[in-house]
């Protein structure tokens, strides 16, 4: 199974917009991290894979 890589289009600290080819999705900030951590973790113009994205939402 090939891992999908997402490009971060924008990040407001509460929500990030991601794009992978033609697919797009919005990611809401998990409640257990701060907005500052979210912005740092999903920096604009960065790329993130599915496993890393999933790990952000684990407690």
PDB file of N, CA and C in Angstrom:
ATOM      1  N   UNK A   1       0.842  -1.190   0.000  1.00  0.00           N
ATOM      2  CA  UNK A   1       0.000   0.000   0.000  1.00  0.00           C
ATOM      3  C   UNK A   1       0.886   1.252   0.000  1.00  0.00           C
ATOM      4  N   UNK A   2       0.655   2.103  -0.961  1.00  0.00           N
ATOM      5  CA  UNK A   2       1.447   3.325  -1.074  1.00  0.00           C
ATOM      6  C   UNK A   2       0.940   4.379  -0.085  1.00  0.00           C
ATOM      7  N   UNK A   3       1.885   5.024   0.589  1.00  0.00           N
ATOM      8  CA  UNK A   3       1.515   6.043   1.562  1.00  0.00           C
ATOM      9  C   UNK A   3       1.171   7.348   0.852  1.00  0.00           C
ATOM     10  N   UNK A   4       0.074   7.951   1.261  1.00  0.00           N
ATOM     11  CA  UNK A   4      -0.353   9.218   0.662  1.00  0.00           C
ATOM     12  C   UNK A   4       0.356  10.373   1.351  1.00  0.00           C
ATOM     13  N   UNK A   5       0.821  11.319   0.571  1.00  0.00           N
ATOM     14  CA  UNK A   5       1.447  12.528   1.108  1.00  0.00           C
ATOM     15  C   UNK A   5       0.527  13.711   0.847  1.00  0.00           C
ATOM     16  N   UNK A   6       0.297  14.478   1.893  1.00  0.00           N
ATOM     17  CA  UNK A   6      -0.571  15.655   1.807  1.00  0.00           C
ATOM     18  C   UNK A   6       0.263  16.922   1.839  1.00  0.00           C
ATOM     19  N   UNK A   7      -0.117  17.886   1.027  1.00  0.00           N
ATOM     20  CA  UNK A   7       0.508  19.208   1.052  1.00  0.00           C
ATOM     21  C   UNK A   7      -0.407  20.132   1.845  1.00  0.00           C
ATOM     22  N   UNK A   8       0.169  20.859   2.789  1.00  0.00           N
ATOM     23  CA  UNK A   8      -0.619  21.791   3.598  1.00  0.00           C
ATOM     24  C   UNK A   8      -0.800  23.085   2.801  1.00  0.00           C
ATOM     25  N   UNK A   9      -2.038  23.403   2.498  1.00  0.00           N
ATOM     26  CA  UNK A   9      -2.351  24.596   1.709  1.00  0.00           C
ATOM     27  C   UNK A   9      -2.471  25.820   2.620  1.00  0.00           C
ATOM     28  N   UNK A  10      -3.200  25.669   3.724  1.00  0.00           N
ATOM     29  CA  UNK A  10      -3.337  26.763   4.689  1.00  0.00           C
ATOM     30  C   UNK A  10      -3.529  26.183   6.083  1.00  0.00           C
ATOM     31  N   UNK A  11      -3.201  26.991   7.081  1.00  0.00           N
ATOM     32  CA  UNK A  11      -3.337  26.554   8.463  1.00  0.00           C
ATOM     33  C   UNK A  11      -3.632  27.774   9.324  1.00  0.00           C
ATOM     34  N   UNK A  12      -4.820  27.779   9.930  1.00  0.00           N
ATOM     35  CA  UNK A  12      -5.237  28.924  10.740  1.00  0.00           C
ATOM     36  C   UNK A  12      -4.949  28.744  12.223  1.00  0.00           C
ATOM     37  N   UNK A  13      -4.483  27.569  12.601  1.00  0.00           N
ATOM     38  CA  UNK A  13      -4.291  27.270  14.015  1.00  0.00           C
ATOM     39  C   UNK A  13      -5.459  26.494  14.587  1.00  0.00           C
ATOM     40  N   UNK A  14      -6.615  26.577  13.915  1.00  0.00           N
ATOM     41  CA  UNK A  14      -7.789  25.803  14.327  1.00  0.00           C
ATOM     42  C   UNK A  14      -8.156  24.777  13.262  1.00  0.00           C
ATOM     43  N   UNK A  15      -7.759  25.054  12.024  1.00  0.00           N
ATOM     44  CA  UNK A  15      -8.084  24.165  10.909  1.00  0.00           C
ATOM     45  C   UNK A  15      -6.993  24.272   9.858  1.00  0.00           C
ATOM     46  N   UNK A  16      -6.676  23.141   9.238  1.00  0.00           N
ATOM     47  CA  UNK A  16      -5.706  23.132   8.148  1.00  0.00           C
ATOM     48  C   UNK A  16      -6.368  22.538   6.910  1.00  0.00           C
ATOM     49  N   UNK A  17      -6.063  23.093   5.766  1.00  0.00           N
ATOM     50  CA  UNK A  17      -6.547  22.559   4.503  1.00  0.00           C
ATOM     51  C   UNK A  17      -5.412  21.800   3.840  1.00  0.00           C
ATOM     52  N   UNK A  18      -5.677  20.538   3.494  1.00  0.00           N
ATOM     53  CA  UNK A  18      -4.665  19.670   2.901  1.00  0.00           C
ATOM     54  C   UNK A  18      -5.089  19.260   1.505  1.00  0.00           C
ATOM     55  N   UNK A  19      -4.094  18.956   0.659  1.00  0.00           N
ATOM     56  CA  UNK A  19      -4.364  18.547  -0.718  1.00  0.00           C
ATOM     57  C   UNK A  19      -3.393  17.435  -1.107  1.00  0.00           C
ATOM     58  N   UNK A  20      -3.937  16.421  -1.762  1.00  0.00           N
ATOM     59  CA  UNK A  20      -3.114  15.332  -2.293  1.00  0.00           C
ATOM     60  C   UNK A  20      -3.639  15.028  -3.688  1.00  0.00           C
ATOM     61  N   UNK A  21      -2.949  15.545  -4.696  1.00  0.00           N
ATOM     62  CA  UNK A  21      -3.453  15.409  -6.064  1.00  0.00           C
ATOM     63  C   UNK A  21      -4.761  16.156  -6.203  1.00  0.00           C
ATOM     64  N   UNK A  22      -5.823  15.457  -6.613  1.00  0.00           N
ATOM     65  CA  UNK A  22      -7.132  16.089  -6.750  1.00  0.00           C
ATOM     66  C   UNK A  22      -7.946  16.018  -5.463  1.00  0.00           C
ATOM     67  N   UNK A  23      -7.460  15.243  -4.502  1.00  0.00           N
ATOM     68  CA  UNK A  23      -8.184  15.064  -3.246  1.00  0.00           C
ATOM     69  C   UNK A  23      -7.829  16.175  -2.263  1.00  0.00           C
ATOM     70  N   UNK A  24      -8.849  16.700  -1.596  1.00  0.00           N
ATOM     71  CA  UNK A  24      -8.634  17.754  -0.597  1.00  0.00           C
ATOM     72  C   UNK A  24      -9.379  17.383   0.669  1.00  0.00           C
ATOM     73  N   UNK A  25      -8.857  17.830   1.813  1.00  0.00           N
ATOM     74  CA  UNK A  25      -9.593  17.636   3.056  1.00  0.00           C
ATOM     75  C   UNK A  25      -9.233  18.724   4.040  1.00  0.00           C
ATOM     76  N   UNK A  26     -10.141  18.915   4.999  1.00  0.00           N
ATOM     77  CA  UNK A  26      -9.931  19.873   6.071  1.00  0.00           C
ATOM     78  C   UNK A  26      -9.650  19.085   7.336  1.00  0.00           C
ATOM     79  N   UNK A  27      -8.688  19.548   8.111  1.00  0.00           N
ATOM     80  CA  UNK A  27      -8.322  18.896   9.365  1.00  0.00           C
ATOM     81  C   UNK A  27      -8.554  19.886  10.495  1.00  0.00           C
ATOM     82  N   UNK A  28      -9.401  19.514  11.445  1.00  0.00           N
ATOM     83  CA  UNK A  28      -9.653  20.355  12.617  1.00  0.00           C
ATOM     84  C   UNK A  28      -8.584  20.086  13.666  1.00  0.00           C
ATOM     85  N   UNK A  29      -8.229  21.097  14.429  1.00  0.00           N
ATOM     86  CA  UNK A  29      -7.234  20.951  15.491  1.00  0.00           C
ATOM     87  C   UNK A  29      -7.757  19.999  16.555  1.00  0.00           C
ATOM     88  N   UNK A  30      -6.950  18.996  16.920  1.00  0.00           N
ATOM     89  CA  UNK A  30      -7.361  18.117  18.029  1.00  0.00           C
ATOM     90  C   UNK A  30      -7.448  18.922  19.325  1.00  0.00           C
ATOM     91  N   UNK A  31      -8.359  18.548  20.201  1.00  0.00           N
ATOM     92  CA  UNK A  31      -8.566  19.320  21.433  1.00  0.00           C
ATOM     93  C   UNK A  31      -7.410  19.195  22.414  1.00  0.00           C
ATOM     94  N   UNK A  32      -6.574  18.152  22.293  1.00  0.00           N
ATOM     95  CA  UNK A  32      -5.510  17.935  23.274  1.00  0.00           C
ATOM     96  C   UNK A  32      -4.210  18.679  22.966  1.00  0.00           C
ATOM     97  N   UNK A  33      -4.184  19.471  21.885  1.00  0.00           N
ATOM     98  CA  UNK A  33      -2.992  20.275  21.606  1.00  0.00           C
ATOM     99  C   UNK A  33      -3.387  21.739  21.434  1.00  0.00           C
ATOM    100  N   UNK A  34      -2.420  22.637  21.610  1.00  0.00           N
ATOM    101  CA  UNK A  34      -2.701  24.066  21.478  1.00  0.00           C
ATOM    102  C   UNK A  34      -2.653  24.487  20.006  1.00  0.00           C
ATOM    103  N   UNK A  35      -3.205  25.650  19.732  1.00  0.00           N
ATOM    104  CA  UNK A  35      -3.180  26.190  18.370  1.00  0.00           C
ATOM    105  C   UNK A  35      -1.743  26.399  17.907  1.00  0.00           C
ATOM    106  N   UNK A  36      -0.884  26.850  18.822  1.00  0.00           N
ATOM    107  CA  UNK A  36       0.522  27.066  18.480  1.00  0.00           C
ATOM    108  C   UNK A  36       1.190  25.754  18.061  1.00  0.00           C
ATOM    109  N   UNK A  37       0.914  24.683  18.813  1.00  0.00           N
ATOM    110  CA  UNK A  37       1.464  23.371  18.459  1.00  0.00           C
ATOM    111  C   UNK A  37       0.932  22.902  17.108  1.00  0.00           C
ATOM    112  N   UNK A  38      -0.341  23.146  16.856  1.00  0.00           N
ATOM    113  CA  UNK A  38      -0.966  22.730  15.598  1.00  0.00           C
ATOM    114  C   UNK A  38      -0.332  23.453  14.413  1.00  0.00           C
ATOM    115  N   UNK A  39      -0.138  24.768  14.552  1.00  0.00           N
ATOM    116  CA  UNK A  39       0.489  25.544  13.478  1.00  0.00           C
ATOM    117  C   UNK A  39       1.915  25.058  13.237  1.00  0.00           C
ATOM    118  N   UNK A  40       2.635  24.797  14.325  1.00  0.00           N
ATOM    119  CA  UNK A  40       4.014  24.316  14.203  1.00  0.00           C
ATOM    120  C   UNK A  40       4.043  22.922  13.576  1.00  0.00           C
ATOM    121  N   UNK A  41       3.136  22.057  14.024  1.00  0.00           N
ATOM    122  CA  UNK A  41       3.121  20.670  13.576  1.00  0.00           C
ATOM    123  C   UNK A  41       2.713  20.550  12.107  1.00  0.00           C
ATOM    124  N   UNK A  42       1.744  21.351  11.706  1.00  0.00           N
ATOM    125  CA  UNK A  42       1.284  21.364  10.313  1.00  0.00           C
ATOM    126  C   UNK A  42       1.611  22.720   9.691  1.00  0.00           C
ATOM    127  N   UNK A  43       2.874  23.030   9.627  1.00  0.00           N
ATOM    128  CA  UNK A  43       3.296  24.325   9.081  1.00  0.00           C
ATOM    129  C   UNK A  43       2.817  24.488   7.639  1.00  0.00           C
ATOM    130  N   UNK A  44       2.400  25.690   7.299  1.00  0.00           N
ATOM    131  CA  UNK A  44       1.987  25.967   5.918  1.00  0.00           C
ATOM    132  C   UNK A  44       3.142  25.645   4.978  1.00  0.00           C
ATOM    133  N   UNK A  45       2.833  25.168   3.810  1.00  0.00           N
ATOM    134  CA  UNK A  45       3.801  24.794   2.775  1.00  0.00           C
ATOM    135  C   UNK A  45       4.566  23.504   3.114  1.00  0.00           C
ATOM    136  N   UNK A  46       4.151  22.794   4.152  1.00  0.00           N
ATOM    137  CA  UNK A  46       4.839  21.541   4.486  1.00  0.00           C
ATOM    138  C   UNK A  46       4.101  20.367   3.855  1.00  0.00           C
ATOM    139  N   UNK A  47       4.729  19.213   3.925  1.00  0.00           N
ATOM    140  CA  UNK A  47       4.119  17.995   3.423  1.00  0.00           C
ATOM    141  C   UNK A  47       4.085  17.002   4.566  1.00  0.00           C
ATOM    142  N   UNK A  48       3.024  16.234   4.635  1.00  0.00           N
ATOM    143  CA  UNK A  48       2.847  15.301   5.743  1.00  0.00           C
ATOM    144  C   UNK A  48       2.208  14.021   5.205  1.00  0.00           C
ATOM    145  N   UNK A  49       2.637  12.885   5.714  1.00  0.00           N
ATOM    146  CA  UNK A  49       2.047  11.631   5.238  1.00  0.00           C
ATOM    147  C   UNK A  49       0.907  11.207   6.162  1.00  0.00           C
ATOM    148  N   UNK A  50       0.145  10.197   5.704  1.00  0.00           N
ATOM    149  CA  UNK A  50      -1.029   9.742   6.447  1.00  0.00           C
ATOM    150  C   UNK A  50      -0.700   9.271   7.860  1.00  0.00           C
ATOM    151  N   UNK A  51       0.404   8.523   8.027  1.00  0.00           N
ATOM    152  CA  UNK A  51       0.770   8.015   9.349  1.00  0.00           C
ATOM    153  C   UNK A  51       1.073   9.150  10.315  1.00  0.00           C
ATOM    154  N   UNK A  52       1.783  10.156   9.851  1.00  0.00           N
ATOM    155  CA  UNK A  52       2.108  11.298  10.711  1.00  0.00           C
ATOM    156  C   UNK A  52       0.848  12.073  11.074  1.00  0.00           C
ATOM    157  N   UNK A  53      -0.052  12.205  10.126  1.00  0.00           N
ATOM    158  CA  UNK A  53      -1.307  12.907  10.372  1.00  0.00           C
ATOM    159  C   UNK A  53      -2.141  12.145  11.403  1.00  0.00           C
ATOM    160  N   UNK A  54      -2.189  10.831  11.261  1.00  0.00           N
ATOM    161  CA  UNK A  54      -2.930   9.992  12.196  1.00  0.00           C
ATOM    162  C   UNK A  54      -2.353  10.103  13.608  1.00  0.00           C
ATOM    163  N   UNK A  55      -1.026  10.149  13.714  1.00  0.00           N
ATOM    164  CA  UNK A  55      -0.383  10.215  15.026  1.00  0.00           C
ATOM    165  C   UNK A  55      -0.708  11.514  15.758  1.00  0.00           C
ATOM    166  N   UNK A  56      -0.990  12.575  15.022  1.00  0.00           N
ATOM    167  CA  UNK A  56      -1.351  13.854  15.637  1.00  0.00           C
ATOM    168  C   UNK A  56      -2.636  13.735  16.451  1.00  0.00           C
ATOM    169  N   UNK A  57      -3.536  12.854  16.019  1.00  0.00           N
ATOM    170  CA  UNK A  57      -4.850  12.751  16.647  1.00  0.00           C
ATOM    171  C   UNK A  57      -4.926  11.679  17.723  1.00  0.00           C
ATOM    172  N   UNK A  58      -3.815  10.960  17.967  1.00  0.00           N
ATOM    173  CA  UNK A  58      -3.791   9.955  19.035  1.00  0.00           C
ATOM    174  C   UNK A  58      -3.493  10.629  20.358  1.00  0.00           C
ATOM    175  N   UNK A  59      -4.116  10.161  21.390  1.00  0.00           N
ATOM    176  CA  UNK A  59      -3.856  10.702  22.743  1.00  0.00           C
ATOM    177  C   UNK A  59      -2.715   9.956  23.383  1.00  0.00           C
TER     178      UNK A  59
END
